[in-house]
Amino acid sequence: MDLVRDSSRLLIPGLYNARDLGNMPAADGRMTACHHLVRSDAPDHLNAESIRELSAYPIGAVIDLRSKEEAAAHPDSIREDHRFTYYNIPLLHINADDINANIISETIRTSLGQLYVWMFENCKPYFAEVLRTILKEKGKTVLFHCAHGKDRTGLITAIFYLLCGVSRDLIISDYAISYTYVADLVAPLMEATEESVHHIYRSDASNMEMLLAHVDKNYQGDIRVFLRSCGLTDEEMSALRGILLPD
């Protein structure tokens, strides 16, 4: 396995958008630490060698952010592997594959940014559960993923970077680059749908810009205010920040 230094991308066969959250400049002048948190698309089509490479990184825990339906239809290759602790914690309790579901059809009509704002207002208990599970597994390298590693995964990544004071421009560009990596993965989905649907398979910068504007307008521009509204304590937030910026 290779790690692309400039992007912290893990080049593991079968994964398209696997990236370590390390090597990002934080507000205090430090770089976020590697080998603590990894974001990814779904590891649902990995061979034995790719699974071995994940274990050797070393990934010790995996949090599947997909719905129960998605996780059952496309189960993680590592789900029954004793080397990994596996959790399925849906961040969006709706099957994202169902384009007829109300919020999914509304997203197709509007934008992913609107979906992200909706999730910030309607999925707070699930954000809290995911973040507390990451704290529970502190000490292990935790991989969290959704289907393509850009939407649900992108929101958890943005929360961590905001806690660390990573610049908004870098958070937006880190989000937007996902489509560059997953273009081949989502190409069959785009070919099978009308052009008006294609935007949900991309990661246009405007989507993250809309979410950050929502944080500014409704949470004083401070992700900690949002996390408090999810029920997290200041101590928990400090511990979450400490995963990427350890003392």
C-alpha atoms as a PDB file:
ATOM      1  CA  MET A   1       0.000   0.000   0.000  1.00  0.00           C
ATOM      2  CA  ASP A   2       1.196   3.507  -0.840  1.00  0.00           C
ATOM      3  CA  LEU A   3       0.304   6.760   0.958  1.00  0.00           C
ATOM      4  CA  VAL A   4       0.217   9.777  -1.333  1.00  0.00           C
ATOM      5  CA  ARG A   5       1.813  12.434   0.857  1.00  0.00           C
ATOM      6  CA  ASP A   6       0.217  15.532  -0.696  1.00  0.00           C
ATOM      7  CA  SER A   7      -3.306  14.135  -0.328  1.00  0.00           C
ATOM      8  CA  SER A   8      -2.850  11.534   2.466  1.00  0.00           C
ATOM      9  CA  ARG A   9      -4.638   9.160   0.111  1.00  0.00           C
ATOM     10  CA  LEU A  10      -4.300   5.445   0.800  1.00  0.00           C
ATOM     11  CA  LEU A  11      -3.807   3.554  -2.446  1.00  0.00           C
ATOM     12  CA  ILE A  12      -5.436   0.251  -1.559  1.00  0.00           C
ATOM     13  CA  PRO A  13      -6.870  -1.821  -4.427  1.00  0.00           C
ATOM     14  CA  GLY A  14     -10.648  -1.799  -4.220  1.00  0.00           C
ATOM     15  CA  LEU A  15     -10.862   1.591  -2.487  1.00  0.00           C
ATOM     16  CA  TYR A  16     -11.182   4.853  -4.373  1.00  0.00           C
ATOM     17  CA  ASN A  17     -11.482   7.578  -1.756  1.00  0.00           C
ATOM     18  CA  ALA A  18      -9.546   6.333   1.274  1.00  0.00           C
ATOM     19  CA  ARG A  19      -7.702   9.209   2.961  1.00  0.00           C
ATOM     20  CA  ASP A  20      -5.991   9.707   6.289  1.00  0.00           C
ATOM     21  CA  LEU A  21      -7.186  12.831   8.123  1.00  0.00           C
ATOM     22  CA  GLY A  22      -3.587  13.647   9.015  1.00  0.00           C
ATOM     23  CA  ASN A  23      -1.265  16.186   7.410  1.00  0.00           C
ATOM     24  CA  MET A  24      -3.751  19.080   7.497  1.00  0.00           C
ATOM     25  CA  PRO A  25      -2.582  22.419   8.975  1.00  0.00           C
ATOM     26  CA  ALA A  26      -4.514  23.273  12.134  1.00  0.00           C
ATOM     27  CA  ALA A  27      -5.142  26.647  13.722  1.00  0.00           C
ATOM     28  CA  ASP A  28      -2.417  26.204  16.347  1.00  0.00           C
ATOM     29  CA  GLY A  29       0.282  25.738  13.705  1.00  0.00           C
ATOM     30  CA  ARG A  30       0.512  21.954  14.048  1.00  0.00           C
ATOM     31  CA  MET A  31      -0.396  19.385  11.425  1.00  0.00           C
ATOM     32  CA  THR A  32      -3.176  16.946  12.200  1.00  0.00           C
ATOM     33  CA  ALA A  33      -1.808  13.541  13.176  1.00  0.00           C
ATOM     34  CA  CYS A  34      -1.815  10.520  10.863  1.00  0.00           C
ATOM     35  CA  HIS A  35      -2.849   6.964  11.727  1.00  0.00           C
ATOM     36  CA  HIS A  36      -5.780   8.001  13.911  1.00  0.00           C
ATOM     37  CA  LEU A  37      -8.719   8.606  11.568  1.00  0.00           C
ATOM     38  CA  VAL A  38      -9.256   7.442   8.001  1.00  0.00           C
ATOM     39  CA  ARG A  39     -12.190   8.276   5.739  1.00  0.00           C
ATOM     40  CA  SER A  40     -13.218   6.043   2.857  1.00  0.00           C
ATOM     41  CA  ASP A  41     -15.740   4.764   0.380  1.00  0.00           C
ATOM     42  CA  ALA A  42     -17.306   1.427   1.277  1.00  0.00           C
ATOM     43  CA  PRO A  43     -14.827  -1.451   1.661  1.00  0.00           C
ATOM     44  CA  ASP A  44     -17.383  -3.864   0.237  1.00  0.00           C
ATOM     45  CA  HIS A  45     -15.338  -5.330  -2.596  1.00  0.00           C
ATOM     46  CA  LEU A  46     -11.878  -5.968  -1.137  1.00  0.00           C
ATOM     47  CA  ASN A  47      -9.756  -9.040  -1.710  1.00  0.00           C
ATOM     48  CA  ALA A  48      -7.693 -10.702   1.010  1.00  0.00           C
ATOM     49  CA  GLU A  49      -4.556  -8.693   0.227  1.00  0.00           C
ATOM     50  CA  SER A  50      -6.375  -5.347   0.434  1.00  0.00           C
ATOM     51  CA  ILE A  51      -7.913  -6.367   3.757  1.00  0.00           C
ATOM     52  CA  ARG A  52      -4.448  -7.305   5.007  1.00  0.00           C
ATOM     53  CA  GLU A  53      -3.147  -3.878   3.958  1.00  0.00           C
ATOM     54  CA  LEU A  54      -5.969  -2.162   5.857  1.00  0.00           C
ATOM     55  CA  SER A  55      -5.168  -4.192   8.955  1.00  0.00           C
ATOM     56  CA  ALA A  56      -1.466  -3.393   8.636  1.00  0.00           C
ATOM     57  CA  TYR A  57      -2.034   0.370   8.338  1.00  0.00           C
ATOM     58  CA  PRO A  58      -3.252  -0.379  11.095  1.00  0.00           C
ATOM     59  CA  ILE A  59      -7.032   0.019  10.896  1.00  0.00           C
ATOM     60  CA  GLY A  60      -8.529  -1.439  14.064  1.00  0.00           C
ATOM     61  CA  ALA A  61     -12.151  -0.250  13.974  1.00  0.00           C
ATOM     62  CA  VAL A  62     -14.576   0.479  11.149  1.00  0.00           C
ATOM     63  CA  ILE A  63     -17.708   2.628  11.367  1.00  0.00           C
ATOM     64  CA  ASP A  64     -20.164   2.077   8.521  1.00  0.00           C
ATOM     65  CA  LEU A  65     -22.295   5.213   8.184  1.00  0.00           C
ATOM     66  CA  ARG A  66     -24.670   3.691   5.646  1.00  0.00           C
ATOM     67  CA  SER A  67     -28.257   2.720   6.334  1.00  0.00           C
ATOM     68  CA  LYS A  68     -29.079  -0.810   7.456  1.00  0.00           C
ATOM     69  CA  GLU A  69     -30.471  -1.500   3.969  1.00  0.00           C
ATOM     70  CA  GLU A  70     -27.302  -0.318   2.220  1.00  0.00           C
ATOM     71  CA  ALA A  71     -25.042  -2.236   4.595  1.00  0.00           C
ATOM     72  CA  ALA A  72     -27.062  -5.421   4.049  1.00  0.00           C
ATOM     73  CA  ALA A  73     -27.144  -5.056   0.262  1.00  0.00           C
ATOM     74  CA  HIS A  74     -23.414  -4.316   0.006  1.00  0.00           C
ATOM     75  CA  PRO A  75     -21.782  -5.733   3.174  1.00  0.00           C
ATOM     76  CA  ASP A  76     -18.295  -4.659   4.169  1.00  0.00           C
ATOM     77  CA  SER A  77     -15.629  -7.192   3.230  1.00  0.00           C
ATOM     78  CA  ILE A  78     -14.143  -6.851   6.736  1.00  0.00           C
ATOM     79  CA  ARG A  79     -17.395  -7.246   8.633  1.00  0.00           C
ATOM     80  CA  GLU A  80     -16.673 -10.732   9.994  1.00  0.00           C
ATOM     81  CA  ASP A  81     -12.888 -10.297  10.210  1.00  0.00           C
ATOM     82  CA  HIS A  82     -11.668 -10.559  13.816  1.00  0.00           C
ATOM     83  CA  ARG A  83      -8.929  -7.983  13.152  1.00  0.00           C
ATOM     84  CA  PHE A  84     -11.522  -5.207  12.969  1.00  0.00           C
ATOM     85  CA  THR A  85     -14.231  -3.980  15.323  1.00  0.00           C
ATOM     86  CA  TYR A  86     -17.190  -3.221  13.065  1.00  0.00           C
ATOM     87  CA  TYR A  87     -20.064  -0.818  13.751  1.00  0.00           C
ATOM     88  CA  ASN A  88     -23.002   0.051  11.523  1.00  0.00           C
ATOM     89  CA  ILE A  89     -24.232   3.444  12.722  1.00  0.00           C
ATOM     90  CA  PRO A  90     -26.434   5.038  10.067  1.00  0.00           C
ATOM     91  CA  LEU A  91     -25.862   8.776   9.926  1.00  0.00           C
ATOM     92  CA  LEU A  92     -28.892   9.126   7.689  1.00  0.00           C
ATOM     93  CA  HIS A  93     -31.627   6.666   8.649  1.00  0.00           C
ATOM     94  CA  ILE A  94     -32.849   6.543   5.065  1.00  0.00           C
ATOM     95  CA  ASN A  95     -31.678   4.239   2.296  1.00  0.00           C
ATOM     96  CA  ALA A  96     -29.557   6.579   0.168  1.00  0.00           C
ATOM     97  CA  ASP A  97     -29.989   4.177  -2.765  1.00  0.00           C
ATOM     98  CA  ASP A  98     -33.732   4.894  -2.789  1.00  0.00           C
ATOM     99  CA  ILE A  99     -34.059   7.953  -5.024  1.00  0.00           C
ATOM    100  CA  ASN A 100     -37.812   7.975  -4.320  1.00  0.00           C
ATOM    101  CA  ALA A 101     -37.337   8.613  -0.581  1.00  0.00           C
ATOM    102  CA  ASN A 102     -38.553  12.114   0.245  1.00  0.00           C
ATOM    103  CA  ILE A 103     -35.253  13.672   1.321  1.00  0.00           C
ATOM    104  CA  ILE A 104     -33.353  11.935  -1.506  1.00  0.00           C
ATOM    105  CA  SER A 105     -35.804  13.120  -4.160  1.00  0.00           C
ATOM    106  CA  GLU A 106     -35.643  16.610  -2.631  1.00  0.00           C
ATOM    107  CA  THR A 107     -31.838  16.466  -2.795  1.00  0.00           C
ATOM    108  CA  ILE A 108     -32.008  15.529  -6.470  1.00  0.00           C
ATOM    109  CA  ARG A 109     -34.296  18.488  -7.053  1.00  0.00           C
ATOM    110  CA  THR A 110     -32.084  20.933  -5.117  1.00  0.00           C
ATOM    111  CA  SER A 111     -28.525  20.064  -4.030  1.00  0.00           C
ATOM    112  CA  LEU A 112     -26.384  17.957  -1.742  1.00  0.00           C
ATOM    113  CA  GLY A 113     -25.762  21.111   0.253  1.00  0.00           C
ATOM    114  CA  GLN A 114     -29.457  21.184   1.153  1.00  0.00           C
ATOM    115  CA  LEU A 115     -29.184  17.558   2.284  1.00  0.00           C
ATOM    116  CA  TYR A 116     -26.201  18.391   4.511  1.00  0.00           C
ATOM    117  CA  VAL A 117     -28.105  21.247   6.130  1.00  0.00           C
ATOM    118  CA  TRP A 118     -31.116  18.948   6.629  1.00  0.00           C
ATOM    119  CA  MET A 119     -28.896  16.338   8.260  1.00  0.00           C
ATOM    120  CA  PHE A 120     -27.367  18.890  10.632  1.00  0.00           C
ATOM    121  CA  GLU A 121     -30.873  19.724  11.808  1.00  0.00           C
ATOM    122  CA  ASN A 122     -32.490  16.277  11.754  1.00  0.00           C
ATOM    123  CA  CYS A 123     -29.743  13.749  12.509  1.00  0.00           C
ATOM    124  CA  LYS A 124     -28.157  15.179  15.654  1.00  0.00           C
ATOM    125  CA  PRO A 125     -28.483  12.006  17.780  1.00  0.00           C
ATOM    126  CA  TYR A 126     -26.744  10.029  15.047  1.00  0.00           C
ATOM    127  CA  PHE A 127     -23.868  12.497  14.787  1.00  0.00           C
ATOM    128  CA  ALA A 128     -23.443  12.157  18.545  1.00  0.00           C
ATOM    129  CA  GLU A 129     -23.479   8.350  18.387  1.00  0.00           C
ATOM    130  CA  VAL A 130     -20.850   8.244  15.641  1.00  0.00           C
ATOM    131  CA  LEU A 131     -18.548  10.680  17.425  1.00  0.00           C
ATOM    132  CA  ARG A 132     -18.908   8.913  20.772  1.00  0.00           C
ATOM    133  CA  THR A 133     -18.116   5.592  19.111  1.00  0.00           C
ATOM    134  CA  ILE A 134     -14.932   7.121  17.685  1.00  0.00           C
ATOM    135  CA  LEU A 135     -14.053   8.245  21.210  1.00  0.00           C
ATOM    136  CA  LYS A 136     -14.802   4.757  22.507  1.00  0.00           C
ATOM    137  CA  GLU A 137     -12.267   3.352  20.047  1.00  0.00           C
ATOM    138  CA  LYS A 138      -9.648   6.009  20.782  1.00  0.00           C
ATOM    139  CA  GLY A 139      -6.265   4.359  20.671  1.00  0.00           C
ATOM    140  CA  LYS A 140      -7.132   2.466  17.505  1.00  0.00           C
ATOM    141  CA  THR A 141      -6.976   3.800  13.967  1.00  0.00           C
ATOM    142  CA  VAL A 142     -10.639   4.225  13.057  1.00  0.00           C
ATOM    143  CA  LEU A 143     -11.910   4.091   9.485  1.00  0.00           C
ATOM    144  CA  PHE A 144     -15.350   5.597   8.861  1.00  0.00           C
ATOM    145  CA  HIS A 145     -17.131   5.312   5.558  1.00  0.00           C
ATOM    146  CA  CYS A 146     -20.377   5.607   3.650  1.00  0.00           C
ATOM    147  CA  ALA A 147     -20.963   4.471   0.062  1.00  0.00           C
ATOM    148  CA  HIS A 148     -18.633   6.767  -1.871  1.00  0.00           C
ATOM    149  CA  GLY A 149     -16.828   8.463   0.999  1.00  0.00           C
ATOM    150  CA  LYS A 150     -17.915  11.989   0.157  1.00  0.00           C
ATOM    151  CA  ASP A 151     -21.270  12.882   1.759  1.00  0.00           C
ATOM    152  CA  ARG A 152     -21.915  11.322   5.175  1.00  0.00           C
ATOM    153  CA  THR A 153     -18.197  10.655   5.473  1.00  0.00           C
ATOM    154  CA  GLY A 154     -17.475  14.219   4.349  1.00  0.00           C
ATOM    155  CA  LEU A 155     -19.632  15.655   7.128  1.00  0.00           C
ATOM    156  CA  ILE A 156     -17.816  13.732   9.861  1.00  0.00           C
ATOM    157  CA  THR A 157     -14.495  14.776   8.331  1.00  0.00           C
ATOM    158  CA  ALA A 158     -15.546  18.432   8.230  1.00  0.00           C
ATOM    159  CA  ILE A 159     -16.566  18.305  11.898  1.00  0.00           C
ATOM    160  CA  PHE A 160     -13.127  17.043  12.918  1.00  0.00           C
ATOM    161  CA  TYR A 161     -11.325  19.613  10.792  1.00  0.00           C
ATOM    162  CA  LEU A 162     -13.486  22.435  12.157  1.00  0.00           C
ATOM    163  CA  LEU A 163     -12.697  21.291  15.707  1.00  0.00           C
ATOM    164  CA  CYS A 164      -8.997  21.501  14.821  1.00  0.00           C
ATOM    165  CA  GLY A 165      -9.306  24.923  13.213  1.00  0.00           C
ATOM    166  CA  VAL A 166      -8.421  23.813   9.695  1.00  0.00           C
ATOM    167  CA  SER A 167      -9.172  26.665   7.308  1.00  0.00           C
ATOM    168  CA  ARG A 168     -12.527  26.794   5.552  1.00  0.00           C
ATOM    169  CA  ASP A 169     -10.814  26.882   2.149  1.00  0.00           C
ATOM    170  CA  LEU A 170      -8.958  23.646   2.888  1.00  0.00           C
ATOM    171  CA  ILE A 171     -12.103  21.959   4.220  1.00  0.00           C
ATOM    172  CA  ILE A 172     -13.965  22.911   1.046  1.00  0.00           C
ATOM    173  CA  SER A 173     -11.186  21.758  -1.282  1.00  0.00           C
ATOM    174  CA  ASP A 174     -10.746  18.523   0.694  1.00  0.00           C
ATOM    175  CA  TYR A 175     -14.454  17.852   0.236  1.00  0.00           C
ATOM    176  CA  ALA A 176     -14.537  18.831  -3.433  1.00  0.00           C
ATOM    177  CA  ILE A 177     -11.655  16.576  -4.470  1.00  0.00           C
ATOM    178  CA  SER A 178     -13.682  13.466  -3.616  1.00  0.00           C
ATOM    179  CA  TYR A 179     -15.315  13.395  -7.046  1.00  0.00           C
ATOM    180  CA  THR A 180     -11.885  13.316  -8.669  1.00  0.00           C
ATOM    181  CA  TYR A 181     -11.202  10.084  -6.805  1.00  0.00           C
ATOM    182  CA  VAL A 182     -14.626   8.412  -7.142  1.00  0.00           C
ATOM    183  CA  ALA A 183     -15.394   9.383 -10.737  1.00  0.00           C
ATOM    184  CA  ASP A 184     -14.771   5.844 -11.994  1.00  0.00           C
ATOM    185  CA  LEU A 185     -16.764   4.360  -9.111  1.00  0.00           C
ATOM    186  CA  VAL A 186     -19.873   6.454  -9.769  1.00  0.00           C
ATOM    187  CA  ALA A 187     -19.615   6.482 -13.570  1.00  0.00           C
ATOM    188  CA  PRO A 188     -22.020   3.522 -13.995  1.00  0.00           C
ATOM    189  CA  LEU A 189     -24.561   5.260 -11.741  1.00  0.00           C
ATOM    190  CA  MET A 190     -24.326   8.439 -13.778  1.00  0.00           C
ATOM    191  CA  GLU A 191     -24.683   6.520 -17.027  1.00  0.00           C
ATOM    192  CA  ALA A 192     -27.866   4.914 -15.708  1.00  0.00           C
ATOM    193  CA  THR A 193     -29.520   8.194 -14.661  1.00  0.00           C
ATOM    194  CA  GLU A 194     -30.619  11.435 -16.251  1.00  0.00           C
ATOM    195  CA  GLU A 195     -28.206  14.363 -16.272  1.00  0.00           C
ATOM    196  CA  SER A 196     -30.373  16.197 -13.721  1.00  0.00           C
ATOM    197  CA  VAL A 197     -29.422  13.519 -11.173  1.00  0.00           C
ATOM    198  CA  HIS A 198     -25.667  13.583 -11.794  1.00  0.00           C
ATOM    199  CA  HIS A 199     -24.909  16.316  -9.275  1.00  0.00           C
ATOM    200  CA  ILE A 200     -25.616  13.936  -6.364  1.00  0.00           C
ATOM    201  CA  TYR A 201     -22.707  11.769  -7.483  1.00  0.00           C
ATOM    202  CA  ARG A 202     -20.287  14.718  -7.549  1.00  0.00           C
ATOM    203  CA  SER A 203     -18.834  16.755  -4.700  1.00  0.00           C
ATOM    204  CA  ASP A 204     -19.306  20.340  -5.887  1.00  0.00           C
ATOM    205  CA  ALA A 205     -17.611  22.875  -3.617  1.00  0.00           C
ATOM    206  CA  SER A 206     -20.888  24.811  -3.330  1.00  0.00           C
ATOM    207  CA  ASN A 207     -22.344  21.993  -1.212  1.00  0.00           C
ATOM    208  CA  MET A 208     -19.784  22.369   1.563  1.00  0.00           C
ATOM    209  CA  GLU A 209     -19.942  26.144   1.244  1.00  0.00           C
ATOM    210  CA  MET A 210     -23.688  25.953   1.899  1.00  0.00           C
ATOM    211  CA  LEU A 211     -23.182  23.831   5.011  1.00  0.00           C
ATOM    212  CA  LEU A 212     -20.510  26.145   6.415  1.00  0.00           C
ATOM    213  CA  ALA A 213     -22.776  29.138   5.757  1.00  0.00           C
ATOM    214  CA  HIS A 214     -25.467  27.318   7.748  1.00  0.00           C
ATOM    215  CA  VAL A 215     -23.029  26.846  10.645  1.00  0.00           C
ATOM    216  CA  ASP A 216     -22.217  30.552  10.477  1.00  0.00           C
ATOM    217  CA  LYS A 217     -25.862  31.608  10.463  1.00  0.00           C
ATOM    218  CA  ASN A 218     -27.264  29.145  13.002  1.00  0.00           C
ATOM    219  CA  TYR A 219     -24.322  28.143  15.225  1.00  0.00           C
ATOM    220  CA  GLN A 220     -22.293  31.334  15.549  1.00  0.00           C
ATOM    221  CA  GLY A 221     -19.760  29.988  13.067  1.00  0.00           C
ATOM    222  CA  ASP A 222     -18.583  27.560  15.752  1.00  0.00           C
ATOM    223  CA  ILE A 223     -18.864  23.799  15.248  1.00  0.00           C
ATOM    224  CA  ARG A 224     -18.775  23.372  19.025  1.00  0.00           C
ATOM    225  CA  VAL A 225     -22.124  25.154  19.292  1.00  0.00           C
ATOM    226  CA  PHE A 226     -23.558  22.657  16.821  1.00  0.00           C
ATOM    227  CA  LEU A 227     -22.051  19.717  18.714  1.00  0.00           C
ATOM    228  CA  ARG A 228     -23.461  20.989  22.003  1.00  0.00           C
ATOM    229  CA  SER A 229     -26.873  20.984  20.323  1.00  0.00           C
ATOM    230  CA  CYS A 230     -26.208  17.302  19.555  1.00  0.00           C
ATOM    231  CA  GLY A 231     -25.675  16.701  23.273  1.00  0.00           C
ATOM    232  CA  LEU A 232     -21.884  16.480  23.315  1.00  0.00           C
ATOM    233  CA  THR A 233     -20.028  17.972  26.265  1.00  0.00           C
ATOM    234  CA  ASP A 234     -17.036  20.287  26.101  1.00  0.00           C
ATOM    235  CA  GLU A 235     -14.927  17.451  27.503  1.00  0.00           C
ATOM    236  CA  GLU A 236     -16.020  15.146  24.703  1.00  0.00           C
ATOM    237  CA  MET A 237     -15.283  17.810  22.101  1.00  0.00           C
ATOM    238  CA  SER A 238     -11.834  18.378  23.557  1.00  0.00           C
ATOM    239  CA  ALA A 239     -11.184  14.628  23.415  1.00  0.00           C
ATOM    240  CA  LEU A 240     -12.337  14.487  19.797  1.00  0.00           C
ATOM    241  CA  ARG A 241     -10.019  17.339  18.870  1.00  0.00           C
ATOM    242  CA  GLY A 242      -7.225  15.560  20.727  1.00  0.00           C
ATOM    243  CA  ILE A 243      -7.479  12.564  18.418  1.00  0.00           C
ATOM    244  CA  LEU A 244      -5.994  14.589  15.561  1.00  0.00           C
ATOM    245  CA  LEU A 245      -4.066  17.052  17.733  1.00  0.00           C
ATOM    246  CA  PRO A 246      -2.735  14.946  20.606  1.00  0.00           C
ATOM    247  CA  ASP A 247      -0.882  16.629  23.484  1.00  0.00           C
END
